[in-house]
Amino acid sequence: MTEEELRAVLDNLLQIQSNNDYNFQLLQAHIDNLQRQINELNDLKEMFRLPKPENKNREAFEQIN
């Protein structure tokens, strides 16, 4: 392997590492955005206090007049 070939290989490795770092940052931003959306949806669920799925078909309580 000549010095030029070695330089080309090292340049390629550095470019690959740079691309990996950039892609990691993009993925992390997407993950952070998804986590924020999940948190917002959980806040909405809590705000509206949606019933638990197991209580969906529960019979209503008797009303006393």
Protein backbone atom coordinates (compact mmCIF):
# COMPACT_ATOMS: atom_id res chain seq x y z
CA MET A 1 0.00 0.00 0.00
CA THR A 2 1.45 3.32 -0.99
CA GLU A 3 1.34 6.47 1.08
CA GLU A 4 -1.30 7.94 -1.27
CA GLU A 5 -3.51 4.87 -0.92
CA LEU A 6 -3.15 5.06 2.87
CA ARG A 7 -4.11 8.73 2.82
CA ALA A 8 -7.15 7.94 0.66
CA VAL A 9 -8.21 5.16 3.04
CA LEU A 10 -7.81 7.43 6.08
CA ASP A 11 -9.72 10.24 4.36
CA ASN A 12 -12.54 7.79 3.58
CA LEU A 13 -12.60 6.57 7.19
CA LEU A 14 -12.76 10.14 8.48
CA GLN A 15 -15.56 10.95 6.05
CA ILE A 16 -17.47 7.82 7.13
CA GLN A 17 -17.04 8.83 10.78
CA SER A 18 -18.23 12.35 10.01
CA ASN A 19 -21.28 10.95 8.21
CA ASN A 20 -21.98 8.64 11.15
CA ASP A 21 -21.80 11.56 13.58
CA TYR A 22 -24.11 13.65 11.40
CA ASN A 23 -26.62 10.79 11.00
CA PHE A 24 -26.51 10.16 14.74
CA GLN A 25 -27.36 13.81 15.38
CA LEU A 26 -30.28 13.59 12.95
CA LEU A 27 -31.55 10.40 14.56
CA GLN A 28 -31.18 11.89 18.03
CA ALA A 29 -33.19 14.94 16.96
CA HIS A 30 -35.94 12.64 15.61
CA ILE A 31 -35.93 10.60 18.81
CA ASP A 32 -36.14 13.77 20.92
CA ASN A 33 -39.04 15.01 18.79
CA LEU A 34 -40.87 11.69 19.10
CA GLN A 35 -40.32 11.68 22.87
CA ARG A 36 -41.73 15.21 23.09
CA GLN A 37 -44.79 14.14 21.08
CA ILE A 38 -45.29 11.10 23.31
CA ASN A 39 -45.08 13.31 26.39
CA GLU A 40 -47.60 15.73 24.91
CA LEU A 41 -49.98 12.88 24.08
CA ASN A 42 -49.62 11.51 27.60
CA ASP A 43 -50.39 14.96 28.96
CA LEU A 44 -53.53 15.12 26.78
CA LYS A 45 -54.58 11.65 27.93
CA GLU A 46 -54.16 12.72 31.53
CA MET A 47 -55.98 16.00 30.90
CA PHE A 48 -59.00 14.24 29.42
CA ARG A 49 -58.67 11.29 31.81
CA LEU A 50 -59.55 8.71 29.22
CA PRO A 51 -60.94 5.55 30.82
CA LYS A 52 -58.83 2.46 31.09
CA PRO A 53 -59.57 -0.07 28.32
CA GLU A 54 -60.70 -2.67 30.87
CA ASN A 55 -63.41 -0.25 32.07
CA LYS A 56 -64.76 0.50 28.60
CA ASN A 57 -67.64 -2.02 28.73
CA ARG A 58 -68.34 -1.73 32.44
CA GLU A 59 -71.96 -1.39 33.47
CA ALA A 60 -73.06 2.01 34.74
CA PHE A 61 -73.61 2.56 38.47
CA GLU A 62 -77.15 2.65 39.76
CA GLN A 63 -78.36 6.15 40.42
CA ILE A 64 -80.08 6.83 43.69
CA ASN A 65 -82.73 9.55 43.64
